[in-house]
Protein backbone atom coordinates (compact mmCIF):
# COMPACT_ATOMS: atom_id res chain seq x y z
CA MET A 1 -175.87 110.39 22.09
CA LEU A 2 -175.82 109.88 18.32
CA GLN A 3 -175.29 106.67 16.42
CA CYS A 4 -174.38 106.52 12.77
CA CYS A 5 -173.35 103.74 10.49
CA GLY A 6 -171.31 103.26 7.38
CA LEU A 7 -172.11 100.46 4.99
CA GLU A 8 -169.06 99.47 3.12
CA SER A 9 -169.52 101.42 0.70
CA SER A 10 -170.49 102.72 5.50
CA ARG A 11 -169.04 101.07 2.59
CA ASN A 12 -170.25 98.73 -0.11
CA THR A 13 -173.68 97.38 -0.58
CA HIS A 14 -172.98 96.66 -4.25
CA GLY A 15 -176.70 96.79 -4.99
CA LEU A 16 -177.67 94.45 -2.16
CA LEU A 17 -179.24 95.71 1.04
CA ARG A 18 -179.49 92.70 3.31
CA PRO A 19 -182.33 92.45 5.83
CA GLU A 20 -179.62 91.88 8.48
CA ALA A 21 -178.08 95.24 7.58
CA GLU A 22 -181.45 96.99 7.78
CA GLN A 23 -182.03 95.42 11.20
CA GLY A 24 -178.54 96.39 12.34
CA LEU A 25 -179.20 100.00 11.39
CA ALA A 26 -182.59 100.27 13.06
CA GLY A 27 -182.56 103.13 15.54
CA VAL A 28 -179.48 104.97 14.22
CA ALA A 29 -179.74 108.74 13.83
CA HIS A 30 -177.74 108.98 10.58
CA ILE A 31 -176.31 106.62 7.97
CA ILE A 32 -173.07 107.19 6.09
CA HIS A 33 -172.53 105.20 2.89
CA ALA A 34 -168.96 105.36 1.59
CA GLY A 35 -169.64 104.36 -2.01
CA ASP A 36 -170.27 101.28 -4.15
CA ILE A 37 -173.96 101.78 -3.61
CA GLY A 38 -174.83 99.76 -6.70
CA ARG A 39 -178.43 100.89 -7.21
CA ALA A 40 -180.43 104.02 -6.35
CA ASP A 41 -183.10 102.04 -4.49
CA VAL A 42 -180.52 101.05 -1.85
CA LEU A 43 -180.34 104.68 -0.70
CA VAL A 44 -184.13 105.01 -0.82
CA ARG A 45 -184.45 102.05 1.53
CA LEU A 46 -181.70 103.34 3.81
CA GLY A 47 -183.43 106.73 3.87
CA ARG A 48 -186.47 105.07 5.41
CA ILE A 49 -184.27 104.18 8.40
CA ALA A 50 -182.44 107.50 8.90
CA PRO A 51 -181.04 110.47 6.96
CA VAL A 52 -178.25 109.32 4.61
CA THR A 53 -174.96 110.89 3.60
CA ALA A 54 -173.62 109.03 0.55
CA ILE A 55 -170.74 109.35 -1.85
CA ARG A 56 -170.01 107.64 -5.13
CA GLY A 57 -167.77 104.58 -5.32
CA ASN A 58 -165.98 103.09 -8.31
CA ILE A 59 -168.97 100.93 -9.32
CA ASP A 60 -171.44 103.84 -9.12
CA THR A 61 -171.31 104.86 -12.78
CA GLY A 62 -174.97 105.07 -13.84
CA ASP A 63 -176.91 108.27 -14.42
CA TRP A 64 -178.51 107.89 -10.99
CA ALA A 65 -175.07 108.24 -9.33
CA LYS A 66 -173.91 111.43 -11.09
CA HIS A 67 -175.19 113.79 -8.41
CA TYR A 68 -173.33 112.00 -5.60
CA PRO A 69 -169.88 113.49 -4.86
CA ASP A 70 -166.58 111.60 -4.67
CA THR A 71 -166.01 112.93 -1.14
CA HIS A 72 -168.16 114.66 1.42
CA ALA A 73 -167.64 116.42 4.74
CA VAL A 74 -170.48 116.31 7.24
CA ARG A 75 -170.89 117.42 10.83
CA LEU A 76 -172.86 115.12 13.14
CA GLY A 77 -173.27 116.27 16.68
CA GLU A 78 -170.06 117.99 17.64
CA ARG A 79 -167.93 115.81 15.34
CA SER A 80 -166.62 116.38 11.84
CA PHE A 81 -166.66 113.47 9.35
CA TYR A 82 -164.88 113.15 6.03
CA VAL A 83 -166.24 110.45 3.72
CA LEU A 84 -164.42 109.00 0.72
CA HIS A 85 -164.49 105.65 -1.02
CA ASP A 86 -160.82 104.70 -1.29
CA LEU A 87 -158.61 105.71 1.63
CA GLN A 88 -155.59 105.54 -0.70
CA GLU A 89 -157.02 108.61 -2.46
CA LEU A 90 -157.15 110.76 0.68
CA GLN A 91 -155.69 114.14 -0.37
CA ILE A 92 -156.04 116.06 2.88
CA ASP A 93 -154.46 115.77 6.30
CA PRO A 94 -157.52 115.11 8.47
CA ALA A 95 -155.74 116.09 11.70
CA VAL A 96 -154.67 119.45 10.28
CA CYS A 97 -158.17 120.04 8.85
CA GLY A 98 -159.91 119.35 12.17
CA ILE A 99 -161.58 116.14 10.99
CA ASP A 100 -162.58 113.77 13.79
CA VAL A 101 -163.57 110.72 11.71
CA VAL A 102 -162.60 109.49 8.24
CA VAL A 103 -165.07 106.96 6.84
CA SER A 104 -163.96 104.94 3.82
CA GLY A 105 -164.84 101.79 1.95
CA HIS A 106 -163.39 100.13 -1.15
CA SER A 107 -161.18 97.47 0.48
CA HIS A 108 -164.12 95.55 2.00
CA ARG A 109 -161.93 95.11 5.08
CA PRO A 110 -163.42 96.35 8.36
CA ARG A 111 -161.05 98.68 10.18
CA ILE A 112 -161.04 100.82 13.29
CA GLN A 113 -157.83 102.75 13.80
CA THR A 114 -156.92 106.05 15.44
CA ILE A 115 -154.00 108.04 14.05
CA ASP A 116 -153.14 111.55 15.31
CA ASP A 117 -156.47 111.69 17.20
CA VAL A 118 -158.41 110.96 13.98
CA LEU A 119 -160.62 107.86 13.89
CA TYR A 120 -160.35 105.93 10.60
CA LEU A 121 -163.40 103.73 10.16
CA ASN A 122 -164.01 101.26 7.36
CA PRO A 123 -167.28 99.43 8.06
CA GLY A 124 -166.39 96.59 5.70
CA SER A 125 -169.01 95.33 3.27
CA ALA A 126 -172.67 94.68 3.97
CA GLY A 127 -173.34 93.67 0.36
CA PRO A 128 -172.46 90.45 -1.45
CA ARG A 129 -169.70 88.48 0.23
CA ARG A 130 -166.34 89.34 -1.34
CA PHE A 131 -162.89 87.82 -1.06
CA LYS A 132 -163.89 85.51 1.83
CA LEU A 133 -164.21 88.59 4.05
CA PRO A 134 -166.97 88.84 6.66
CA VAL A 135 -170.21 90.67 5.91
CA THR A 136 -170.12 93.69 8.22
CA LEU A 137 -171.37 97.15 9.01
CA ALA A 138 -170.32 99.61 11.68
CA THR A 139 -172.04 101.81 14.18
CA LEU A 140 -170.46 104.77 15.86
CA GLU A 141 -171.81 106.17 19.08
CA ILE A 142 -170.95 109.80 19.70
CA THR A 143 -170.97 110.72 23.38
CA PRO A 144 -169.63 113.68 25.36
CA SER A 145 -166.76 111.45 26.49
CA GLY A 146 -165.75 110.29 23.02
CA LEU A 147 -166.39 108.03 20.04
CA ARG A 148 -167.40 104.38 20.37
CA PRO A 149 -167.09 102.55 17.04
CA VAL A 150 -168.24 98.93 16.73
CA ILE A 151 -167.93 96.57 13.77
CA HIS A 152 -170.97 94.27 13.53
CA ASP A 153 -170.39 90.90 11.87
CA LEU A 154 -173.47 89.93 9.88
CA SER A 155 -171.75 86.83 8.47
CA ARG A 156 -173.42 84.46 10.91
CA THR A 157 -176.84 85.21 9.45
CA ALA A 158 -175.80 86.16 5.90
């Protein structure tokens, strides 16, 4: 069993890594951050929890962000993940490419949807509250029988 998480930006932290998010990620095997990191130290802190796969979002423009790609494919367990910031910029057909999970951010709207056997996961935003949307992150359990995504609402304590 493997658990991984995406902060909106698995998506956006926008430079803020809440203690609630750190607690929510405790024990995961891998963290995926789908852009809008905001500051390099966010990834350092996340890296203390678990290995991190991160891509650049539209606010990640500083020198520190230049070595992060716009998209990234990663294999975790027996599953293939494709990470990008803005789902509207998806330029591949994940089903044709054998992708199991597409992780995106940008909209700040949490989403779990399966299309053509591909899981589309937007963890929402665990950074500053935006647009009256909840403060969220997601975990994804990978088991032999399938994928179990869960959106965690941190709003109650944020």
